[in-house]
Amino acid sequence: MVLPVALLPVALGGCIRTAASIVTFPVKAAGQGIDWATTSQDEADRNYGRKVRKQEAREGREAKKQAEQQAKRDREARRRDRD
């Protein structure tokens, strides 16, 4: 009889932890949902930096394309002037 009573706290320990997990789950789930729904300042900064880098890359490609087109027009103009 003493042995089963001595094991009772060990056996109930799992039940208490499970009950505590069930009680705190909605709070944790709501917190996670809010975290997913909102943007932290760090995330906003990272997203803004990504947006700026993409814009700069796009502008760089456009400038390179315009420079190539201008060089082509210059070559054609020099060729016409020679002929």
N, C-alpha and C. Protein backbone atom coordinates (compact mmCIF):
# COMPACT_ATOMS: atom_id res chain seq x y z
N MET A 1 0.82 -1.19 0.00
CA MET A 1 0.00 0.00 0.00
C MET A 1 0.86 1.25 0.00
N VAL A 2 1.98 1.22 0.69
CA VAL A 2 2.86 2.38 0.77
C VAL A 2 3.49 2.66 -0.59
N LEU A 3 3.85 1.64 -1.32
CA LEU A 3 4.49 1.81 -2.62
C LEU A 3 3.58 2.51 -3.63
N PRO A 4 2.32 2.11 -3.80
CA PRO A 4 1.46 2.83 -4.75
C PRO A 4 1.24 4.28 -4.34
N VAL A 5 1.12 4.58 -3.06
CA VAL A 5 0.93 5.96 -2.60
C VAL A 5 2.19 6.76 -2.88
N ALA A 6 3.35 6.16 -2.75
CA ALA A 6 4.61 6.84 -3.01
C ALA A 6 4.76 7.15 -4.51
N LEU A 7 4.20 6.32 -5.37
CA LEU A 7 4.29 6.54 -6.81
C LEU A 7 3.21 7.49 -7.34
N LEU A 8 2.24 7.82 -6.50
CA LEU A 8 1.14 8.67 -6.92
C LEU A 8 1.60 10.04 -7.43
N PRO A 9 2.51 10.76 -6.78
CA PRO A 9 2.96 12.06 -7.31
C PRO A 9 3.65 11.92 -8.67
N VAL A 10 4.37 10.86 -8.87
CA VAL A 10 5.05 10.65 -10.14
C VAL A 10 4.01 10.41 -11.24
N ALA A 11 3.01 9.64 -10.94
CA ALA A 11 1.98 9.32 -11.91
C ALA A 11 1.13 10.55 -12.23
N LEU A 12 0.84 11.36 -11.24
CA LEU A 12 0.02 12.55 -11.45
C LEU A 12 0.80 13.71 -12.05
N GLY A 13 2.11 13.66 -11.97
CA GLY A 13 2.94 14.74 -12.52
C GLY A 13 2.68 14.94 -14.00
N GLY A 14 2.54 13.89 -14.73
CA GLY A 14 2.25 13.99 -16.15
C GLY A 14 0.88 14.57 -16.40
N CYS A 15 -0.08 14.23 -15.59
CA CYS A 15 -1.44 14.75 -15.76
C CYS A 15 -1.47 16.25 -15.48
N ILE A 16 -0.75 16.69 -14.48
CA ILE A 16 -0.73 18.11 -14.14
C ILE A 16 -0.07 18.91 -15.26
N ARG A 17 1.04 18.40 -15.79
CA ARG A 17 1.71 19.09 -16.91
C ARG A 17 0.81 19.12 -18.13
N THR A 18 0.11 18.02 -18.39
CA THR A 18 -0.80 17.99 -19.54
C THR A 18 -1.94 18.98 -19.35
N ALA A 19 -2.48 19.04 -18.16
CA ALA A 19 -3.57 19.98 -17.89
C ALA A 19 -3.07 21.42 -18.04
N ALA A 20 -1.87 21.69 -17.57
CA ALA A 20 -1.31 23.03 -17.70
C ALA A 20 -1.09 23.37 -19.18
N SER A 21 -0.65 22.41 -19.95
CA SER A 21 -0.45 22.63 -21.39
C SER A 21 -1.77 22.94 -22.09
N ILE A 22 -2.81 22.23 -21.70
CA ILE A 22 -4.12 22.45 -22.31
C ILE A 22 -4.64 23.84 -21.96
N VAL A 23 -4.41 24.27 -20.73
CA VAL A 23 -4.88 25.57 -20.29
C VAL A 23 -4.11 26.69 -20.97
N THR A 24 -2.81 26.55 -21.14
CA THR A 24 -2.01 27.63 -21.72
C THR A 24 -1.98 27.61 -23.24
N PHE A 25 -2.45 26.55 -23.87
CA PHE A 25 -2.40 26.46 -25.33
C PHE A 25 -3.12 27.60 -26.04
N PRO A 26 -4.36 27.94 -25.66
CA PRO A 26 -5.03 29.04 -26.38
C PRO A 26 -4.26 30.36 -26.31
N VAL A 27 -3.65 30.63 -25.19
CA VAL A 27 -2.87 31.86 -25.03
C VAL A 27 -1.66 31.83 -25.95
N LYS A 28 -0.96 30.72 -25.97
CA LYS A 28 0.21 30.58 -26.84
C LYS A 28 -0.19 30.64 -28.31
N ALA A 29 -1.30 30.01 -28.66
CA ALA A 29 -1.76 30.01 -30.05
C ALA A 29 -2.14 31.43 -30.49
N ALA A 30 -2.81 32.16 -29.62
CA ALA A 30 -3.18 33.54 -29.96
C ALA A 30 -1.94 34.40 -30.12
N GLY A 31 -0.98 34.22 -29.24
CA GLY A 31 0.27 34.98 -29.34
C GLY A 31 1.00 34.68 -30.64
N GLN A 32 1.03 33.43 -31.03
CA GLN A 32 1.68 33.04 -32.28
C GLN A 32 0.94 33.62 -33.47
N GLY A 33 -0.38 33.60 -33.40
CA GLY A 33 -1.18 34.17 -34.49
C GLY A 33 -0.93 35.67 -34.64
N ILE A 34 -0.84 36.37 -33.54
CA ILE A 34 -0.54 37.80 -33.59
C ILE A 34 0.86 38.03 -34.15
N ASP A 35 1.80 37.19 -33.74
CA ASP A 35 3.17 37.32 -34.24
C ASP A 35 3.20 37.12 -35.75
N TRP A 36 2.45 36.16 -36.26
CA TRP A 36 2.42 35.91 -37.70
C TRP A 36 1.72 37.03 -38.45
N ALA A 37 0.73 37.66 -37.80
CA ALA A 37 -0.07 38.68 -38.47
C ALA A 37 0.60 40.05 -38.49
N THR A 38 1.53 40.28 -37.59
CA THR A 38 2.17 41.59 -37.51
C THR A 38 3.60 41.51 -38.02
N THR A 39 4.15 42.66 -38.35
CA THR A 39 5.53 42.75 -38.84
C THR A 39 6.36 43.49 -37.81
N SER A 40 7.44 42.87 -37.38
CA SER A 40 8.32 43.53 -36.43
C SER A 40 9.13 44.60 -37.15
N GLN A 41 9.75 45.48 -36.40
CA GLN A 41 10.56 46.53 -37.00
C GLN A 41 11.73 45.92 -37.77
N ASP A 42 12.30 44.86 -37.23
CA ASP A 42 13.42 44.19 -37.92
C ASP A 42 12.96 43.63 -39.26
N GLU A 43 11.79 43.00 -39.27
CA GLU A 43 11.26 42.46 -40.54
C GLU A 43 10.95 43.58 -41.52
N ALA A 44 10.39 44.68 -41.01
CA ALA A 44 10.07 45.81 -41.88
C ALA A 44 11.35 46.39 -42.49
N ASP A 45 12.40 46.52 -41.68
CA ASP A 45 13.67 47.04 -42.19
C ASP A 45 14.25 46.11 -43.25
N ARG A 46 14.18 44.82 -42.98
CA ARG A 46 14.72 43.84 -43.93
C ARG A 46 13.93 43.89 -45.25
N ASN A 47 12.61 43.96 -45.14
CA ASN A 47 11.79 44.02 -46.35
C ASN A 47 12.04 45.31 -47.12
N TYR A 48 12.20 46.43 -46.42
CA TYR A 48 12.47 47.71 -47.09
C TYR A 48 13.83 47.65 -47.80
N GLY A 49 14.84 47.09 -47.12
CA GLY A 49 16.16 46.95 -47.74
C GLY A 49 16.11 46.09 -48.99
N ARG A 50 15.35 45.01 -48.95
CA ARG A 50 15.20 44.14 -50.12
C ARG A 50 14.54 44.90 -51.26
N LYS A 51 13.51 45.68 -50.93
CA LYS A 51 12.79 46.46 -51.94
C LYS A 51 13.73 47.48 -52.59
N VAL A 52 14.54 48.15 -51.78
CA VAL A 52 15.47 49.15 -52.31
C VAL A 52 16.52 48.49 -53.20
N ARG A 53 17.06 47.35 -52.78
CA ARG A 53 18.07 46.65 -53.60
C ARG A 53 17.48 46.21 -54.93
N LYS A 54 16.24 45.72 -54.93
CA LYS A 54 15.61 45.32 -56.19
C LYS A 54 15.42 46.53 -57.10
N GLN A 55 14.99 47.65 -56.53
CA GLN A 55 14.80 48.87 -57.31
C GLN A 55 16.13 49.34 -57.91
N GLU A 56 17.19 49.31 -57.09
CA GLU A 56 18.51 49.72 -57.58
C GLU A 56 19.00 48.79 -58.69
N ALA A 57 18.75 47.50 -58.54
CA ALA A 57 19.16 46.54 -59.57
C ALA A 57 18.38 46.81 -60.86
N ARG A 58 17.09 47.08 -60.74
CA ARG A 58 16.27 47.37 -61.92
C ARG A 58 16.78 48.63 -62.61
N GLU A 59 17.06 49.68 -61.83
CA GLU A 59 17.57 50.92 -62.40
C GLU A 59 18.93 50.70 -63.06
N GLY A 60 19.77 49.86 -62.45
CA GLY A 60 21.07 49.55 -63.03
C GLY A 60 20.94 48.85 -64.37
N ARG A 61 20.03 47.89 -64.46
CA ARG A 61 19.80 47.18 -65.72
C ARG A 61 19.29 48.14 -66.80
N GLU A 62 18.38 49.03 -66.40
CA GLU A 62 17.85 50.00 -67.37
C GLU A 62 18.93 50.96 -67.84
N ALA A 63 19.79 51.42 -66.92
CA ALA A 63 20.87 52.33 -67.30
C ALA A 63 21.85 51.63 -68.24
N LYS A 64 22.16 50.36 -67.96
CA LYS A 64 23.07 49.61 -68.82
C LYS A 64 22.46 49.43 -70.21
N LYS A 65 21.17 49.13 -70.26
CA LYS A 65 20.49 48.95 -71.54
C LYS A 65 20.50 50.25 -72.33
N GLN A 66 20.24 51.37 -71.66
CA GLN A 66 20.25 52.67 -72.34
C GLN A 66 21.65 53.02 -72.84
N ALA A 67 22.67 52.69 -72.03
CA ALA A 67 24.05 52.96 -72.45
C ALA A 67 24.41 52.13 -73.68
N GLU A 68 23.97 50.87 -73.70
CA GLU A 68 24.24 50.02 -74.86
C GLU A 68 23.53 50.55 -76.10
N GLN A 69 22.29 50.99 -75.93
CA GLN A 69 21.54 51.54 -77.08
C GLN A 69 22.20 52.83 -77.57
N GLN A 70 22.67 53.67 -76.65
CA GLN A 70 23.34 54.90 -77.06
C GLN A 70 24.64 54.60 -77.79
N ALA A 71 25.40 53.60 -77.31
CA ALA A 71 26.63 53.22 -77.97
C ALA A 71 26.34 52.70 -79.38
N LYS A 72 25.26 51.94 -79.52
CA LYS A 72 24.88 51.43 -80.84
C LYS A 72 24.52 52.58 -81.77
N ARG A 73 23.76 53.56 -81.27
CA ARG A 73 23.42 54.73 -82.10
C ARG A 73 24.66 55.52 -82.49
N ASP A 74 25.60 55.66 -81.57
CA ASP A 74 26.85 56.38 -81.86
C ASP A 74 27.65 55.66 -82.94
N ARG A 75 27.73 54.32 -82.86
CA ARG A 75 28.46 53.56 -83.87
C ARG A 75 27.81 53.72 -85.24
N GLU A 76 26.48 53.65 -85.26
CA GLU A 76 25.76 53.79 -86.53
C GLU A 76 25.95 55.20 -87.10
N ALA A 77 25.95 56.20 -86.23
CA ALA A 77 26.14 57.59 -86.69
C ALA A 77 27.56 57.76 -87.26
N ARG A 78 28.55 57.18 -86.61
CA ARG A 78 29.94 57.29 -87.12
C ARG A 78 30.06 56.57 -88.47
N ARG A 79 29.38 55.43 -88.58
CA ARG A 79 29.43 54.68 -89.84
C ARG A 79 28.77 55.49 -90.97
N ARG A 80 27.67 56.13 -90.70
CA ARG A 80 26.99 56.96 -91.70
C ARG A 80 27.86 58.16 -92.09
N ASP A 81 28.55 58.74 -91.11
CA ASP A 81 29.39 59.89 -91.39
C ASP A 81 30.57 59.52 -92.28
N ARG A 82 31.11 58.29 -92.12
CA ARG A 82 32.22 57.84 -92.95
C ARG A 82 31.77 57.59 -94.38
N ASP A 83 30.58 57.14 -94.55
CA ASP A 83 30.10 56.78 -95.89
C ASP A 83 29.60 57.94 -96.64
